[in-house]
Amino acid sequence: ELARLWWPAARRVAVLANARDPFTPLFVGSLVRAAESLGIELALTQVSGAGDYDGAFAAWLRPRVDAVIVQPSLQFAPAAALARQHRLASF
């Protein structure tokens, strides 16, 4: 809902999920349900840490995503820097 509120044209939203967090299935599940109800396509990528962020962002270039959601258990600053570099909204 935040992606839709802040970026009304968002149709495809990337999710940077923490592969090591036991709460990731719950986090992703809630995003999937919300995305389905809003008609948003999710591009899910699980990472183990900030060292994996470059590869995730590169994978989202084609097809292009409109925004990225970062799981709170991950380091946000490096993800925000990459989002800024790729001109993506980040949450």
N, C-alpha and C. Protein backbone atom coordinates (compact mmCIF):
# COMPACT_ATOMS: atom_id res chain seq x y z
N GLU A 1 0.82 -1.19 0.00
CA GLU A 1 0.00 0.00 0.00
C GLU A 1 0.87 1.24 0.00
N LEU A 2 2.00 1.20 0.72
CA LEU A 2 2.88 2.37 0.73
C LEU A 2 3.43 2.66 -0.66
N ALA A 3 3.83 1.62 -1.36
CA ALA A 3 4.34 1.81 -2.71
C ALA A 3 3.28 2.47 -3.58
N ARG A 4 2.05 2.03 -3.48
CA ARG A 4 0.96 2.60 -4.27
C ARG A 4 0.67 4.04 -3.84
N LEU A 5 0.74 4.31 -2.56
CA LEU A 5 0.49 5.66 -2.05
C LEU A 5 1.56 6.64 -2.51
N TRP A 6 2.82 6.27 -2.37
CA TRP A 6 3.92 7.17 -2.71
C TRP A 6 4.28 7.13 -4.18
N TRP A 7 3.95 6.05 -4.86
CA TRP A 7 4.28 5.89 -6.27
C TRP A 7 3.05 5.29 -6.94
N PRO A 8 2.04 6.12 -7.22
CA PRO A 8 0.76 5.60 -7.74
C PRO A 8 0.89 4.78 -9.02
N ALA A 9 1.89 5.06 -9.83
CA ALA A 9 2.05 4.34 -11.09
C ALA A 9 2.78 3.00 -10.91
N ALA A 10 3.17 2.67 -9.70
CA ALA A 10 3.94 1.43 -9.46
C ALA A 10 3.12 0.21 -9.88
N ARG A 11 3.72 -0.58 -10.76
CA ARG A 11 3.09 -1.82 -11.21
C ARG A 11 3.94 -3.03 -10.85
N ARG A 12 5.24 -2.81 -10.73
CA ARG A 12 6.16 -3.91 -10.41
C ARG A 12 7.08 -3.43 -9.29
N VAL A 13 7.04 -4.10 -8.16
CA VAL A 13 7.81 -3.71 -6.99
C VAL A 13 8.75 -4.85 -6.60
N ALA A 14 10.01 -4.50 -6.41
CA ALA A 14 11.00 -5.48 -5.98
C ALA A 14 10.98 -5.61 -4.46
N VAL A 15 11.29 -6.80 -3.99
CA VAL A 15 11.40 -7.05 -2.55
C VAL A 15 12.77 -7.63 -2.28
N LEU A 16 13.51 -6.95 -1.42
CA LEU A 16 14.82 -7.43 -0.99
C LEU A 16 14.60 -8.11 0.36
N ALA A 17 14.61 -9.45 0.36
CA ALA A 17 14.28 -10.22 1.55
C ALA A 17 15.53 -10.86 2.14
N ASN A 18 15.52 -11.04 3.44
CA ASN A 18 16.65 -11.58 4.18
C ASN A 18 16.56 -13.11 4.22
N ALA A 19 17.46 -13.76 3.51
CA ALA A 19 17.46 -15.22 3.44
C ALA A 19 17.75 -15.87 4.79
N ARG A 20 18.33 -15.13 5.70
CA ARG A 20 18.73 -15.70 7.01
C ARG A 20 17.76 -15.40 8.14
N ASP A 21 16.72 -14.65 7.86
CA ASP A 21 15.78 -14.24 8.89
C ASP A 21 14.63 -15.25 8.96
N PRO A 22 14.37 -15.84 10.12
CA PRO A 22 13.29 -16.82 10.22
C PRO A 22 11.91 -16.22 10.00
N PHE A 23 11.79 -14.90 10.05
CA PHE A 23 10.50 -14.24 9.83
C PHE A 23 10.25 -13.88 8.36
N THR A 24 11.22 -14.18 7.50
CA THR A 24 11.07 -13.85 6.08
C THR A 24 9.83 -14.45 5.45
N PRO A 25 9.49 -15.72 5.69
CA PRO A 25 8.27 -16.25 5.08
C PRO A 25 7.01 -15.44 5.45
N LEU A 26 6.92 -15.00 6.69
CA LEU A 26 5.77 -14.18 7.11
C LEU A 26 5.79 -12.82 6.42
N PHE A 27 6.97 -12.20 6.37
CA PHE A 27 7.15 -10.90 5.72
C PHE A 27 6.75 -10.99 4.25
N VAL A 28 7.29 -11.96 3.56
CA VAL A 28 7.02 -12.12 2.13
C VAL A 28 5.55 -12.48 1.91
N GLY A 29 5.02 -13.34 2.73
CA GLY A 29 3.61 -13.73 2.59
C GLY A 29 2.67 -12.55 2.70
N SER A 30 2.93 -11.66 3.65
CA SER A 30 2.06 -10.49 3.80
C SER A 30 2.20 -9.55 2.60
N LEU A 31 3.41 -9.44 2.06
CA LEU A 31 3.60 -8.60 0.87
C LEU A 31 2.90 -9.19 -0.35
N VAL A 32 2.97 -10.50 -0.49
CA VAL A 32 2.32 -11.17 -1.62
C VAL A 32 0.81 -10.95 -1.57
N ARG A 33 0.22 -11.12 -0.40
CA ARG A 33 -1.23 -10.90 -0.27
C ARG A 33 -1.61 -9.46 -0.59
N ALA A 34 -0.85 -8.51 -0.06
CA ALA A 34 -1.13 -7.09 -0.32
C ALA A 34 -0.96 -6.76 -1.80
N ALA A 35 0.09 -7.28 -2.42
CA ALA A 35 0.34 -7.01 -3.83
C ALA A 35 -0.78 -7.56 -4.70
N GLU A 36 -1.23 -8.75 -4.39
CA GLU A 36 -2.32 -9.36 -5.16
C GLU A 36 -3.58 -8.50 -5.07
N SER A 37 -3.88 -8.00 -3.88
CA SER A 37 -5.10 -7.19 -3.72
C SER A 37 -4.99 -5.84 -4.42
N LEU A 38 -3.76 -5.35 -4.64
CA LEU A 38 -3.55 -4.05 -5.29
C LEU A 38 -3.19 -4.17 -6.76
N GLY A 39 -3.05 -5.39 -7.25
CA GLY A 39 -2.68 -5.58 -8.65
C GLY A 39 -1.24 -5.21 -8.95
N ILE A 40 -0.36 -5.42 -7.98
CA ILE A 40 1.07 -5.12 -8.15
C ILE A 40 1.82 -6.44 -8.29
N GLU A 41 2.75 -6.47 -9.22
CA GLU A 41 3.61 -7.64 -9.40
C GLU A 41 4.85 -7.48 -8.52
N LEU A 42 5.22 -8.54 -7.82
CA LEU A 42 6.42 -8.52 -6.98
C LEU A 42 7.57 -9.26 -7.65
N ALA A 43 8.76 -8.71 -7.48
CA ALA A 43 9.99 -9.36 -7.92
C ALA A 43 10.78 -9.63 -6.66
N LEU A 44 10.72 -10.85 -6.16
CA LEU A 44 11.33 -11.22 -4.89
C LEU A 44 12.76 -11.70 -5.09
N THR A 45 13.67 -11.14 -4.31
CA THR A 45 15.05 -11.60 -4.30
C THR A 45 15.48 -11.75 -2.85
N GLN A 46 15.96 -12.95 -2.49
CA GLN A 46 16.47 -13.18 -1.15
C GLN A 46 17.99 -13.01 -1.17
N VAL A 47 18.50 -12.30 -0.18
CA VAL A 47 19.93 -12.05 -0.06
C VAL A 47 20.38 -12.44 1.34
N SER A 48 21.68 -12.68 1.46
CA SER A 48 22.25 -13.01 2.77
C SER A 48 22.83 -11.80 3.47
N GLY A 49 23.05 -10.73 2.73
CA GLY A 49 23.60 -9.52 3.32
C GLY A 49 23.85 -8.47 2.25
N ALA A 50 24.42 -7.34 2.67
CA ALA A 50 24.64 -6.21 1.78
C ALA A 50 25.54 -6.55 0.59
N GLY A 51 26.38 -7.53 0.72
CA GLY A 51 27.24 -7.94 -0.37
C GLY A 51 26.48 -8.49 -1.56
N ASP A 52 25.23 -8.87 -1.34
CA ASP A 52 24.40 -9.42 -2.42
C ASP A 52 23.52 -8.38 -3.10
N TYR A 53 23.52 -7.15 -2.59
CA TYR A 53 22.60 -6.13 -3.09
C TYR A 53 22.85 -5.77 -4.56
N ASP A 54 24.12 -5.64 -4.96
CA ASP A 54 24.42 -5.26 -6.34
C ASP A 54 23.78 -6.23 -7.33
N GLY A 55 23.92 -7.51 -7.07
CA GLY A 55 23.35 -8.52 -7.96
C GLY A 55 21.83 -8.44 -8.01
N ALA A 56 21.22 -8.18 -6.86
CA ALA A 56 19.76 -8.07 -6.82
C ALA A 56 19.29 -6.89 -7.65
N PHE A 57 19.92 -5.74 -7.47
CA PHE A 57 19.51 -4.56 -8.22
C PHE A 57 19.76 -4.75 -9.71
N ALA A 58 20.83 -5.41 -10.08
CA ALA A 58 21.12 -5.67 -11.49
C ALA A 58 20.03 -6.56 -12.11
N ALA A 59 19.54 -7.52 -11.35
CA ALA A 59 18.51 -8.42 -11.85
C ALA A 59 17.18 -7.70 -12.07
N TRP A 60 16.98 -6.59 -11.37
CA TRP A 60 15.72 -5.85 -11.49
C TRP A 60 15.72 -4.84 -12.63
N LEU A 61 16.82 -4.72 -13.34
CA LEU A 61 16.87 -3.75 -14.43
C LEU A 61 15.99 -4.17 -15.61
N ARG A 62 15.94 -5.47 -15.88
CA ARG A 62 15.11 -5.98 -16.97
C ARG A 62 14.36 -7.20 -16.46
N PRO A 63 13.08 -7.20 -16.35
CA PRO A 63 12.21 -6.06 -16.56
C PRO A 63 12.32 -5.07 -15.41
N ARG A 64 12.20 -3.84 -15.71
CA ARG A 64 12.39 -2.75 -14.76
C ARG A 64 11.35 -2.80 -13.64
N VAL A 65 11.80 -2.53 -12.43
CA VAL A 65 10.87 -2.39 -11.31
C VAL A 65 10.68 -0.90 -11.03
N ASP A 66 9.58 -0.58 -10.36
CA ASP A 66 9.25 0.82 -10.07
C ASP A 66 9.72 1.25 -8.69
N ALA A 67 9.86 0.30 -7.79
CA ALA A 67 10.23 0.61 -6.40
C ALA A 67 10.81 -0.65 -5.77
N VAL A 68 11.44 -0.47 -4.62
CA VAL A 68 11.99 -1.62 -3.90
C VAL A 68 11.61 -1.51 -2.42
N ILE A 69 11.21 -2.65 -1.86
CA ILE A 69 10.92 -2.77 -0.43
C ILE A 69 12.04 -3.59 0.18
N VAL A 70 12.64 -3.06 1.24
CA VAL A 70 13.76 -3.72 1.91
C VAL A 70 13.26 -4.27 3.24
N GLN A 71 13.45 -5.56 3.46
CA GLN A 71 13.04 -6.16 4.73
C GLN A 71 13.79 -5.46 5.86
N PRO A 72 13.10 -5.09 6.93
CA PRO A 72 13.73 -4.34 8.02
C PRO A 72 14.94 -5.00 8.68
N SER A 73 15.07 -6.31 8.58
CA SER A 73 16.22 -6.97 9.20
C SER A 73 17.49 -6.86 8.35
N LEU A 74 17.40 -6.23 7.19
CA LEU A 74 18.57 -6.01 6.33
C LEU A 74 19.10 -4.59 6.53
N GLN A 75 20.36 -4.38 6.15
CA GLN A 75 20.95 -3.04 6.21
C GLN A 75 20.28 -2.18 5.15
N PHE A 76 19.67 -1.08 5.59
CA PHE A 76 18.93 -0.25 4.66
C PHE A 76 19.81 0.74 3.90
N ALA A 77 20.82 1.30 4.55
CA ALA A 77 21.63 2.36 3.92
C ALA A 77 22.24 1.93 2.58
N PRO A 78 22.88 0.74 2.49
CA PRO A 78 23.43 0.34 1.19
C PRO A 78 22.33 0.13 0.13
N ALA A 79 21.19 -0.37 0.55
CA ALA A 79 20.07 -0.58 -0.38
C ALA A 79 19.53 0.78 -0.85
N ALA A 80 19.43 1.73 0.06
CA ALA A 80 18.94 3.06 -0.30
C ALA A 80 19.89 3.74 -1.28
N ALA A 81 21.19 3.57 -1.08
CA ALA A 81 22.16 4.15 -2.00
C ALA A 81 22.00 3.56 -3.40
N LEU A 82 21.81 2.25 -3.48
CA LEU A 82 21.61 1.62 -4.79
C LEU A 82 20.27 2.03 -5.41
N ALA A 83 19.25 2.16 -4.59
CA ALA A 83 17.94 2.61 -5.09
C ALA A 83 18.07 4.02 -5.67
N ARG A 84 18.78 4.88 -4.97
CA ARG A 84 19.00 6.24 -5.46
C ARG A 84 19.76 6.22 -6.79
N GLN A 85 20.80 5.39 -6.85
CA GLN A 85 21.61 5.25 -8.06
C GLN A 85 20.77 4.79 -9.25
N HIS A 86 19.83 3.88 -8.99
CA HIS A 86 18.97 3.33 -10.06
C HIS A 86 17.65 4.09 -10.20
N ARG A 87 17.52 5.17 -9.43
CA ARG A 87 16.33 6.02 -9.47
C ARG A 87 15.05 5.24 -9.16
N LEU A 88 15.11 4.51 -8.05
CA LEU A 88 13.97 3.73 -7.59
C LEU A 88 13.50 4.26 -6.24
N ALA A 89 12.21 4.30 -6.03
CA ALA A 89 11.68 4.58 -4.71
C ALA A 89 12.04 3.39 -3.81
N SER A 90 12.33 3.65 -2.55
CA SER A 90 12.66 2.55 -1.65
C SER A 90 11.91 2.72 -0.34
N PHE A 91 11.50 1.56 0.22
CA PHE A 91 10.73 1.54 1.47
C PHE A 91 11.34 0.53 2.40
